[in-house]
Amino acid sequence: MTVVGVDVATAGVRAFAVGGDGSVRATAAEPLPAPVRDESGRSEQDARAWWPAVESVLRRVTAELAEPVRAVAVSATSGTVVAVDGRGEPLGPALMYDDRRGADDNAKAAEVGAQRWHELGMSVSPTAALGRINWLRRAYPDAAGVRHTPDLIGEKLLGRPVATDSSHALKSGYDPLREEWAAEVFDFGVDWLPEVVRPTTVLGELPRPVAGLPQGCLVVAGMTDGCAGQLATGAVTPGSFAGILGTTYVLKGVTEHLVRDPSGAMYSHRHPDGWWLPGGASNTGGEAVAGGPNLAELDEAAARRGPARVVAYPLKRPGERFPFVTPDARGFVLGEPQDDVELHRARLEGVAFVERLALERLRELGVPVTGPLVAAGGGSKSPLWTRIRATVSGMELRVSPQAETGYGAAMLAAAAVLPGGLTEAAEMIGEEASVIEPDAAEREPMEENYRRFKEELRNRGWLQRQN
């Protein structure tokens, strides 16, 4: 069996062909035009570029395969939408996940749908996609409808409109608890919106060969990039959580029941098997830990130095969204670092403190987190940083061999083929993962630094005293 996952990201498209043993048999990538952004809050991309890029990567990966592809699934950025005509062609640029032109609509939707959002444990941010959909409906009154990125690609593959998945539709105003559109928050009838199905649902079979895919190949509903990246780590069953450390820090996992966070810092996608995928994304992470080409040297020196005497909250730009919501949060350093090595070590510890705070928030909400915690993302390639995270959290960290969105999309495609669904698909991840234990010798000074970190957050009013 061979399946293909496609990741339509902001900067480009990447495809992964994955075998039944979990091995990556072929990959290909194609760049996309950079989004056009300005200070007014506009963030848009030429949606006409998506399909040619997807077609290119599909042809290239299938050319390397010895057997036909059984199924394909597409993942993309959450909340990127575009208005289309009756043929499914874009009528204008796609409004990206961070476009703010729907902010006023979102503020209204937050008020009108307050009871629904409360029941879902969600908040409506200024960049939620539902506001952009209202904006598009006014800007293109003659449009046939709106499409998320995977919907447009699915239509190109099957030659007809397809349903959207509940994951990509979440921030567009879809209620995964009642499994319906939140009709009351839109300025139009929901008939303008696509049908919604759960991820791993078969959307159709190719009626003809397309882009190297054979006739009969299944087109399968995917999930957002963050969810697909989580699944790629193997965190797919209740109690399992993954800390994905890339440009920012993301904590995502699986619970049997919906968990509601009154603060709105954490929200939940629906798991394909009916469970829930709670999680949140911090604004701190790899981008806040400067190092450049000397990063490996700094790591080595910081490892020899041991725990920092100063405490840092590394935040590159204003605002925090998880594990607490504070729009005016700013990064800080308590004390005067001895040198760049100590500052580097303090920043690594600071991100680990955010991770521990996030885990504590989950437990406060009644979410069981069973170890080991899966570590993924570029930051997890640093042995020092991973050891610091294990020591601070007090948990074993299993460094995942996979965290690629395209790989996760391939797992979703496989789940539609395998009798055991997504659980069986997760068993495809056969590479051995390394397990990092907490460092007992550094536990006490790290505890003291964490205490200082939390106390400073409280003193600044960003963290409530009970936390």
Protein backbone atom coordinates (compact mmCIF):
# COMPACT_ATOMS: atom_id res chain seq x y z
CA MET A 1 0.00 0.00 0.00
CA THR A 2 1.20 3.50 -0.85
CA VAL A 3 -0.62 6.69 0.15
CA VAL A 4 0.19 10.36 -0.44
CA GLY A 5 -0.19 13.34 1.87
CA VAL A 6 -0.07 16.89 0.54
CA ASP A 7 0.79 19.91 2.70
CA VAL A 8 -0.24 23.27 1.22
CA ALA A 9 1.68 25.66 3.46
CA THR A 10 2.14 29.41 3.21
CA ALA A 11 5.51 29.29 1.48
CA GLY A 12 5.05 26.18 -0.63
CA VAL A 13 3.52 22.78 -1.26
CA ARG A 14 5.09 19.50 -0.18
CA ALA A 15 3.98 15.95 -0.89
CA PHE A 16 4.92 12.74 0.97
CA ALA A 17 4.44 9.27 -0.49
CA VAL A 18 4.34 6.80 2.42
CA GLY A 19 4.38 3.02 2.27
CA GLY A 20 2.44 0.58 4.41
CA ASP A 21 5.53 0.12 6.59
CA GLY A 22 5.61 3.84 7.39
CA SER A 23 8.65 4.57 5.25
CA VAL A 24 8.77 7.74 3.16
CA ARG A 25 9.14 6.52 -0.40
CA ALA A 26 9.25 9.88 -2.17
CA THR A 27 8.92 13.59 -1.44
CA ALA A 28 8.67 16.69 -3.58
CA ALA A 29 8.27 20.40 -2.90
CA GLU A 30 7.18 23.42 -4.92
CA PRO A 31 7.25 27.09 -3.81
CA LEU A 32 4.19 29.33 -3.72
CA PRO A 33 4.10 33.10 -4.21
CA ALA A 34 4.62 34.99 -1.00
CA PRO A 35 1.47 36.40 0.61
CA VAL A 36 0.81 40.10 0.15
CA ARG A 37 0.54 41.75 3.56
CA ASP A 38 0.16 45.34 4.72
CA GLU A 39 -0.41 47.32 7.90
CA SER A 40 -4.16 47.48 7.33
CA GLY A 41 -4.41 43.79 8.20
CA ARG A 42 -4.59 42.49 4.65
CA SER A 43 -2.93 39.10 4.10
CA GLU A 44 -3.70 37.39 0.81
CA GLN A 45 -2.24 34.93 -1.68
CA ASP A 46 -2.97 34.05 -5.28
CA ALA A 47 -5.14 30.92 -4.90
CA ARG A 48 -4.68 30.14 -8.61
CA ALA A 49 -1.11 29.08 -7.76
CA TRP A 50 -2.21 26.25 -5.45
CA TRP A 51 -3.33 23.64 -7.96
CA PRO A 52 -0.35 23.95 -10.38
CA ALA A 53 1.99 23.50 -7.41
CA VAL A 54 0.03 20.51 -6.09
CA GLU A 55 -0.12 18.94 -9.53
CA SER A 56 3.65 19.36 -9.90
CA VAL A 57 4.55 17.67 -6.59
CA LEU A 58 2.09 14.84 -7.21
CA ARG A 59 3.56 14.09 -10.62
CA ARG A 60 7.07 14.11 -9.21
CA VAL A 61 6.42 11.80 -6.25
CA THR A 62 4.31 9.34 -8.26
CA ALA A 63 7.05 9.14 -10.90
CA GLU A 64 9.33 7.61 -8.25
CA LEU A 65 6.87 4.96 -7.07
CA ALA A 66 6.79 1.32 -8.13
CA GLU A 67 3.09 0.87 -7.30
CA PRO A 68 -0.05 2.96 -7.75
CA VAL A 69 -1.26 5.28 -5.00
CA ARG A 70 -4.29 4.00 -3.05
CA ALA A 71 -5.37 7.29 -1.44
CA VAL A 72 -4.45 10.95 -1.13
CA ALA A 73 -5.31 13.59 1.50
CA VAL A 74 -4.59 17.33 1.70
CA SER A 75 -3.76 19.46 4.74
CA ALA A 76 -3.35 23.24 4.76
CA THR A 77 -3.23 26.32 6.93
CA SER A 78 -6.24 26.82 9.18
CA GLY A 79 -8.78 29.39 8.03
CA THR A 80 -7.42 30.30 4.60
CA VAL A 81 -10.48 30.86 2.38
CA VAL A 82 -11.33 32.06 -1.13
CA ALA A 83 -14.56 32.93 -3.00
CA VAL A 84 -15.17 30.85 -6.15
CA ASP A 85 -17.40 30.93 -9.22
CA GLY A 86 -19.69 28.17 -10.44
CA ARG A 87 -16.74 26.25 -11.91
CA GLY A 88 -14.85 26.31 -8.62
CA GLU A 89 -12.35 28.89 -9.90
CA PRO A 90 -11.10 31.63 -7.52
CA LEU A 91 -12.75 35.01 -8.06
CA GLY A 92 -9.93 36.81 -6.27
CA PRO A 93 -7.03 36.22 -3.92
CA ALA A 94 -7.35 33.87 -0.96
CA LEU A 95 -7.62 35.53 2.43
CA MET A 96 -4.93 33.97 4.60
CA TYR A 97 -5.19 32.66 8.15
CA ASP A 98 -3.86 35.95 9.59
CA ASP A 99 -5.94 38.35 7.47
CA ARG A 100 -7.82 40.76 9.77
CA ARG A 101 -10.44 42.19 7.41
CA GLY A 102 -13.12 40.17 9.16
CA ALA A 103 -12.23 41.46 12.64
CA ASP A 104 -15.45 43.48 13.06
CA ASP A 105 -17.54 40.51 11.93
CA ASN A 106 -15.69 38.29 14.37
CA ALA A 107 -16.39 40.66 17.25
CA LYS A 108 -20.07 40.54 16.35
CA ALA A 109 -19.97 36.73 15.98
CA ALA A 110 -18.35 36.40 19.41
CA GLU A 111 -21.32 38.26 20.93
CA VAL A 112 -24.11 36.69 18.87
CA GLY A 113 -22.83 33.12 19.30
CA ALA A 114 -21.58 33.53 22.87
CA GLN A 115 -23.53 30.56 24.25
CA ARG A 116 -22.36 28.27 21.44
CA TRP A 117 -18.70 29.27 21.88
CA HIS A 118 -19.01 28.75 25.64
CA GLU A 119 -20.30 25.24 25.11
CA LEU A 120 -17.40 24.55 22.74
CA GLY A 121 -14.81 26.10 25.04
CA MET A 122 -13.71 28.39 22.21
CA SER A 123 -13.18 32.09 21.65
CA VAL A 124 -13.56 33.98 18.37
CA SER A 125 -10.32 35.80 17.58
CA PRO A 126 -10.01 38.83 15.26
CA THR A 127 -8.45 36.53 12.65
CA ALA A 128 -11.08 33.77 12.79
CA ALA A 129 -12.06 32.63 9.30
CA LEU A 130 -15.80 33.09 9.81
CA GLY A 131 -15.35 36.88 9.75
CA ARG A 132 -13.40 36.65 6.50
CA ILE A 133 -16.17 34.52 4.99
CA ASN A 134 -18.70 37.25 5.80
CA TRP A 135 -16.31 39.77 4.24
CA LEU A 136 -15.99 37.65 1.08
CA ARG A 137 -19.76 37.31 0.79
CA ARG A 138 -20.10 41.09 0.67
CA ALA A 139 -17.08 41.55 -1.62
CA TYR A 140 -18.24 38.88 -4.11
CA PRO A 141 -22.06 38.87 -3.99
CA ASP A 142 -22.30 36.78 -7.18
CA ALA A 143 -19.89 34.07 -5.97
CA ALA A 144 -21.07 30.47 -5.99
CA GLY A 145 -19.53 29.79 -2.60
CA VAL A 146 -16.39 29.76 -0.51
CA ARG A 147 -13.61 27.16 -0.40
CA HIS A 148 -10.89 26.26 2.06
CA THR A 149 -7.59 25.31 0.46
CA PRO A 150 -8.16 21.50 0.51
CA ASP A 151 -11.69 21.97 -0.90
CA LEU A 152 -10.31 23.70 -3.97
CA ILE A 153 -7.67 21.00 -4.47
CA GLY A 154 -10.24 18.23 -3.98
CA GLU A 155 -12.45 19.79 -6.62
CA LYS A 156 -9.54 19.87 -9.07
CA LEU A 157 -8.84 16.18 -8.40
CA LEU A 158 -12.43 14.92 -8.63
CA GLY A 159 -13.82 17.39 -11.15
CA ARG A 160 -16.72 18.37 -8.89
CA PRO A 161 -17.31 20.24 -5.61
CA VAL A 162 -16.30 18.32 -2.48
CA ALA A 163 -17.17 18.56 1.19
CA THR A 164 -14.80 20.32 3.55
CA ASP A 165 -13.47 18.58 6.65
CA SER A 166 -14.54 19.64 10.13
CA SER A 167 -10.95 20.50 11.06
CA HIS A 168 -10.44 23.15 8.38
CA ALA A 169 -14.01 24.37 9.00
CA LEU A 170 -13.58 24.84 12.78
CA LYS A 171 -12.48 28.49 12.70
CA SER A 172 -14.86 29.15 9.82
CA GLY A 173 -17.85 28.86 12.15
CA TYR A 174 -18.46 25.12 12.21
CA ASP A 175 -19.68 23.57 15.46
CA PRO A 176 -18.04 20.11 15.83
CA LEU A 177 -20.14 19.31 18.91
CA ARG A 178 -23.52 19.72 17.20
CA GLU A 179 -21.94 19.00 13.80
CA GLU A 180 -23.52 22.02 12.12
CA TRP A 181 -22.62 25.49 10.88
CA ALA A 182 -23.23 28.24 13.43
CA ALA A 183 -25.86 29.82 11.17
CA GLU A 184 -26.62 32.67 13.57
CA VAL A 185 -23.18 34.29 13.14
CA PHE A 186 -23.30 34.66 9.36
CA ASP A 187 -24.84 37.49 7.34
CA PHE A 188 -26.21 35.00 4.80
CA GLY A 189 -27.67 31.52 4.56
CA VAL A 190 -25.27 28.68 5.18
CA ASP A 191 -26.12 27.22 1.75
CA TRP A 192 -23.19 29.35 0.53
CA LEU A 193 -20.91 27.23 2.71
CA PRO A 194 -19.67 23.73 1.81
CA GLU A 195 -20.96 20.48 3.24
CA VAL A 196 -18.84 19.28 6.18
CA VAL A 197 -17.58 15.75 6.90
CA ARG A 198 -15.19 14.27 9.44
CA PRO A 199 -11.51 13.85 8.52
CA THR A 200 -10.63 10.49 6.89
CA THR A 201 -14.02 10.47 5.11
CA VAL A 202 -13.65 9.35 1.47
CA LEU A 203 -14.66 12.32 -0.68
CA GLY A 204 -14.63 10.30 -3.87
CA GLU A 205 -12.64 8.15 -6.29
CA LEU A 206 -10.72 9.66 -9.17
CA PRO A 207 -12.84 9.16 -12.30
CA ARG A 208 -9.69 9.39 -14.41
CA PRO A 209 -5.91 9.52 -13.90
CA VAL A 210 -4.85 12.92 -12.52
CA ALA A 211 -1.33 14.25 -11.87
CA GLY A 212 0.16 10.76 -11.75
CA LEU A 213 -2.58 9.38 -9.51
CA PRO A 214 -4.47 6.42 -10.99
CA GLN A 215 -8.16 6.15 -11.73
CA GLY A 216 -9.92 4.88 -8.63
CA CYS A 217 -7.48 6.52 -6.22
CA LEU A 218 -9.38 7.67 -3.11
CA VAL A 219 -9.49 11.38 -2.27
CA VAL A 220 -9.75 11.59 1.52
CA ALA A 221 -10.73 14.48 3.80
CA GLY A 222 -7.69 15.83 5.66
CA MET A 223 -7.08 18.10 8.66
CA THR A 224 -5.36 21.41 9.34
CA ASP A 225 -1.57 21.58 9.31
CA GLY A 226 -1.33 21.68 13.11
CA CYS A 227 -3.54 18.63 13.57
CA ALA A 228 -1.78 16.69 10.83
CA GLY A 229 1.58 17.53 12.37
CA GLN A 230 0.37 16.18 15.71
CA LEU A 231 -0.86 12.94 14.15
CA ALA A 232 2.50 12.49 12.44
CA THR A 233 4.15 12.24 15.86
CA GLY A 234 1.96 9.27 16.76
CA ALA A 235 -0.09 11.15 19.39
CA VAL A 236 -3.45 9.78 18.24
CA THR A 237 -5.06 8.06 21.27
CA PRO A 238 -6.51 9.55 24.50
CA GLY A 239 -3.91 10.74 26.98
CA SER A 240 -1.13 11.18 24.45
CA PHE A 241 0.24 14.69 23.90
CA ALA A 242 2.91 16.20 21.68
CA GLY A 243 4.95 19.31 22.36
CA ILE A 244 5.91 20.62 18.91
CA LEU A 245 8.74 23.12 19.14
CA GLY A 246 9.25 25.00 15.90
CA THR A 247 9.06 28.73 15.24
CA THR A 248 6.49 28.76 18.04
CA TYR A 249 5.57 26.20 20.69
CA VAL A 250 2.43 24.08 20.19
CA LEU A 251 0.99 21.57 22.65
CA LYS A 252 -1.65 19.23 21.23
CA GLY A 253 -3.10 15.92 22.35
CA VAL A 254 -6.10 13.61 22.52
CA THR A 255 -8.93 13.35 25.06
CA GLU A 256 -12.03 11.19 25.14
CA HIS A 257 -14.29 14.14 25.97
CA LEU A 258 -14.46 17.81 25.03
CA VAL A 259 -12.44 19.98 27.41
CA ARG A 260 -13.62 23.58 27.82
CA ASP A 261 -11.10 26.28 28.70
CA PRO A 262 -12.89 29.40 30.02
CA SER A 263 -9.86 31.54 29.15
CA GLY A 264 -10.03 30.58 25.48
CA ALA A 265 -6.30 29.81 25.44
CA MET A 266 -6.99 26.20 24.49
CA TYR A 267 -9.52 24.95 21.97
CA SER A 268 -10.36 21.57 20.48
CA HIS A 269 -10.63 20.06 17.03
CA ARG A 270 -12.69 16.88 16.61
CA HIS A 271 -10.72 13.66 16.30
CA PRO A 272 -11.67 11.54 13.27
CA ASP A 273 -12.75 8.76 15.65
CA GLY A 274 -15.02 11.06 17.65
CA TRP A 275 -12.56 11.96 20.42
CA TRP A 276 -11.20 15.49 20.81
CA LEU A 277 -7.90 17.20 20.03
CA PRO A 278 -7.31 19.96 22.61
CA GLY A 279 -4.32 22.21 22.24
CA GLY A 280 -2.91 25.66 21.98
CA ALA A 281 -0.06 27.59 20.44
CA SER A 282 2.27 29.92 22.32
CA ASN A 283 3.92 32.92 20.71
CA THR A 284 7.27 31.88 22.13
CA GLY A 285 9.43 29.17 20.64
CA GLY A 286 12.37 28.73 18.34
CA GLU A 287 12.15 32.18 16.80
CA ALA A 288 12.72 33.75 20.23
CA VAL A 289 15.93 31.78 20.84
CA ALA A 290 18.59 33.50 18.79
CA GLY A 291 21.71 31.59 17.90
CA GLY A 292 22.19 31.67 14.17
CA PRO A 293 25.13 29.70 12.81
CA ASN A 294 26.64 29.47 16.32
CA LEU A 295 23.64 27.64 17.77
CA ALA A 296 25.42 24.30 18.19
CA GLU A 297 28.37 26.00 19.90
CA LEU A 298 26.04 27.90 22.22
CA ASP A 299 24.25 24.66 23.08
CA GLU A 300 27.53 22.92 23.94
CA ALA A 301 28.70 25.82 26.11
CA ALA A 302 25.31 26.13 27.80
CA ALA A 303 25.27 22.40 28.54
CA ARG A 304 28.62 22.69 30.30
CA ARG A 305 27.48 25.78 32.21
CA GLY A 306 24.36 24.23 33.71
CA PRO A 307 21.16 26.01 34.84
CA ALA A 308 21.10 29.77 34.33
CA ARG A 309 21.20 32.22 37.23
CA VAL A 310 18.86 34.55 35.34
CA VAL A 311 15.29 33.85 34.26
CA ALA A 312 13.98 34.67 30.81
CA TYR A 313 10.61 34.73 29.11
CA PRO A 314 11.70 34.77 25.44
CA LEU A 315 9.05 36.52 23.38
CA LYS A 316 10.07 38.09 20.08
CA ARG A 317 6.93 40.17 19.55
CA PRO A 318 4.16 41.47 21.80
CA GLY A 319 1.33 39.25 22.97
CA GLU A 320 0.79 35.73 24.30
CA ARG A 321 -2.07 33.35 23.45
CA PHE A 322 -1.19 30.11 25.27
CA PRO A 323 -1.08 28.89 28.02
CA PHE A 324 -2.49 32.30 29.05
CA VAL A 325 -4.05 35.02 26.91
CA THR A 326 -2.39 38.43 27.28
CA PRO A 327 -2.29 40.71 24.21
CA ASP A 328 0.20 43.12 25.84
CA ALA A 329 2.66 40.50 27.16
CA ARG A 330 6.33 41.30 26.57
CA GLY A 331 9.45 39.21 26.92
CA PHE A 332 11.70 39.80 29.92
CA VAL A 333 14.96 38.78 31.57
CA LEU A 334 15.27 38.79 35.37
CA GLY A 335 18.86 39.56 36.34
CA GLU A 336 21.94 40.41 34.29
CA PRO A 337 23.26 37.51 32.15
CA GLN A 338 26.95 36.82 32.53
CA ASP A 339 27.33 36.45 28.78
CA ASP A 340 25.58 35.22 25.62
CA VAL A 341 25.91 31.63 26.78
CA GLU A 342 23.94 32.25 29.96
CA LEU A 343 21.31 34.26 28.07
CA HIS A 344 20.98 31.42 25.57
CA ARG A 345 20.54 28.88 28.35
CA ALA A 346 17.96 31.10 30.07
CA ARG A 347 15.95 31.37 26.86
CA LEU A 348 15.95 27.60 26.40
CA GLU A 349 14.73 27.23 29.96
CA GLY A 350 12.10 29.94 29.41
CA VAL A 351 10.42 28.04 26.59
CA ALA A 352 10.52 24.89 28.74
CA PHE A 353 8.80 26.86 31.51
CA VAL A 354 6.01 27.79 29.09
CA GLU A 355 5.65 24.10 28.21
CA ARG A 356 5.37 23.13 31.89
CA LEU A 357 2.85 25.91 32.47
CA ALA A 358 0.81 24.57 29.56
CA LEU A 359 0.89 21.03 30.97
CA GLU A 360 -0.19 22.35 34.36
CA ARG A 361 -3.06 24.21 32.70
CA LEU A 362 -4.23 20.98 31.08
CA ARG A 363 -4.24 19.20 34.43
CA GLU A 364 -6.17 22.07 36.04
CA LEU A 365 -8.82 21.54 33.37
CA GLY A 366 -8.98 17.84 34.22
CA VAL A 367 -7.04 16.61 31.19
CA PRO A 368 -4.97 13.46 31.85
CA VAL A 369 -1.51 13.59 30.28
CA THR A 370 0.20 10.23 30.20
CA GLY A 371 3.92 10.05 29.60
CA PRO A 372 6.11 10.10 27.81
CA LEU A 373 5.45 13.49 26.24
CA VAL A 374 6.19 13.38 22.52
CA ALA A 375 8.74 16.00 21.46
CA ALA A 376 8.68 17.12 17.85
CA GLY A 377 9.66 20.04 15.66
CA GLY A 378 13.03 21.58 14.82
CA GLY A 379 13.75 22.58 18.42
CA SER A 380 13.50 18.95 19.49
CA LYS A 381 16.64 18.18 17.52
CA SER A 382 18.67 19.95 20.21
CA PRO A 383 19.72 17.35 22.85
CA LEU A 384 20.29 20.10 25.41
CA TRP A 385 16.90 21.72 24.90
CA THR A 386 15.12 18.37 25.04
CA ARG A 387 16.89 17.46 28.28
CA ILE A 388 15.97 20.84 29.78
CA ARG A 389 12.33 20.28 28.79
CA ALA A 390 12.34 16.81 30.39
CA THR A 391 13.86 18.16 33.60
CA VAL A 392 11.50 21.12 33.85
CA SER A 393 8.38 19.07 33.11
CA GLY A 394 9.48 16.09 35.19
CA MET A 395 8.39 13.82 32.32
CA GLU A 396 10.19 11.53 29.92
CA LEU A 397 10.29 12.99 26.41
CA ARG A 398 10.07 10.72 23.39
CA VAL A 399 11.63 12.48 20.43
CA SER A 400 9.42 11.74 17.45
CA PRO A 401 11.04 10.76 14.14
CA GLN A 402 8.14 12.45 12.33
CA ALA A 403 6.31 15.75 12.70
CA GLU A 404 5.74 16.71 9.08
CA THR A 405 2.29 17.92 8.07
CA GLY A 406 2.50 16.02 4.78
CA TYR A 407 3.30 12.80 6.63
CA GLY A 408 0.30 13.35 8.89
CA ALA A 409 -1.88 13.92 5.81
CA ALA A 410 -0.62 10.61 4.42
CA MET A 411 -1.69 8.93 7.69
CA LEU A 412 -5.18 10.38 7.24
CA ALA A 413 -5.25 8.96 3.71
CA ALA A 414 -4.13 5.56 5.05
CA ALA A 415 -6.83 5.65 7.74
CA ALA A 416 -9.46 5.54 5.00
CA VAL A 417 -7.89 2.36 3.59
CA LEU A 418 -6.90 0.42 6.70
CA PRO A 419 -9.59 -1.48 8.68
CA GLY A 420 -8.19 -0.14 11.96
CA GLY A 421 -8.52 3.46 10.83
CA LEU A 422 -6.25 6.14 12.28
CA THR A 423 -5.05 3.98 15.18
CA GLU A 424 -3.74 1.39 12.73
CA ALA A 425 -2.31 4.14 10.52
CA ALA A 426 -0.32 5.45 13.50
CA GLU A 427 1.30 2.05 13.84
CA MET A 428 2.97 2.71 10.48
CA ILE A 429 5.43 4.99 12.25
CA GLY A 430 8.04 2.33 12.73
CA GLU A 431 11.22 4.31 13.36
CA GLU A 432 12.65 4.02 16.85
CA ALA A 433 12.32 7.19 18.87
CA SER A 434 14.87 8.24 21.48
CA VAL A 435 13.65 8.78 25.03
CA ILE A 436 15.15 11.59 27.12
CA GLU A 437 14.99 11.36 30.91
CA PRO A 438 14.92 14.31 33.36
CA ASP A 439 18.32 15.29 34.76
CA ALA A 440 18.08 14.77 38.53
CA ALA A 441 21.21 16.86 39.15
CA GLU A 442 19.59 19.95 37.61
CA ARG A 443 16.09 19.45 38.99
CA GLU A 444 16.42 21.68 42.09
CA PRO A 445 17.88 24.82 40.41
CA MET A 446 15.38 24.46 37.57
CA GLU A 447 12.54 24.30 40.10
CA GLU A 448 13.76 27.54 41.64
CA ASN A 449 14.00 29.24 38.25
CA TYR A 450 10.48 28.05 37.39
CA ARG A 451 9.18 29.43 40.67
CA ARG A 452 10.70 32.83 39.85
CA PHE A 453 9.27 32.66 36.33
CA LYS A 454 5.71 32.04 37.53
CA GLU A 455 5.95 34.66 40.26
CA GLU A 456 7.00 37.29 37.70
CA LEU A 457 4.07 36.37 35.45
CA ARG A 458 1.75 36.82 38.43
CA ASN A 459 3.35 40.13 39.43
CA ARG A 460 2.77 41.45 35.92
CA GLY A 461 -0.86 40.41 36.08
CA TRP A 462 -0.56 37.92 33.22
CA LEU A 463 -1.16 34.85 35.35
CA GLN A 464 -3.81 34.51 38.01
CA ARG A 465 -2.68 33.82 41.57
CA GLN A 466 -4.31 30.37 41.66
CA ASN A 467 -2.10 29.22 38.78
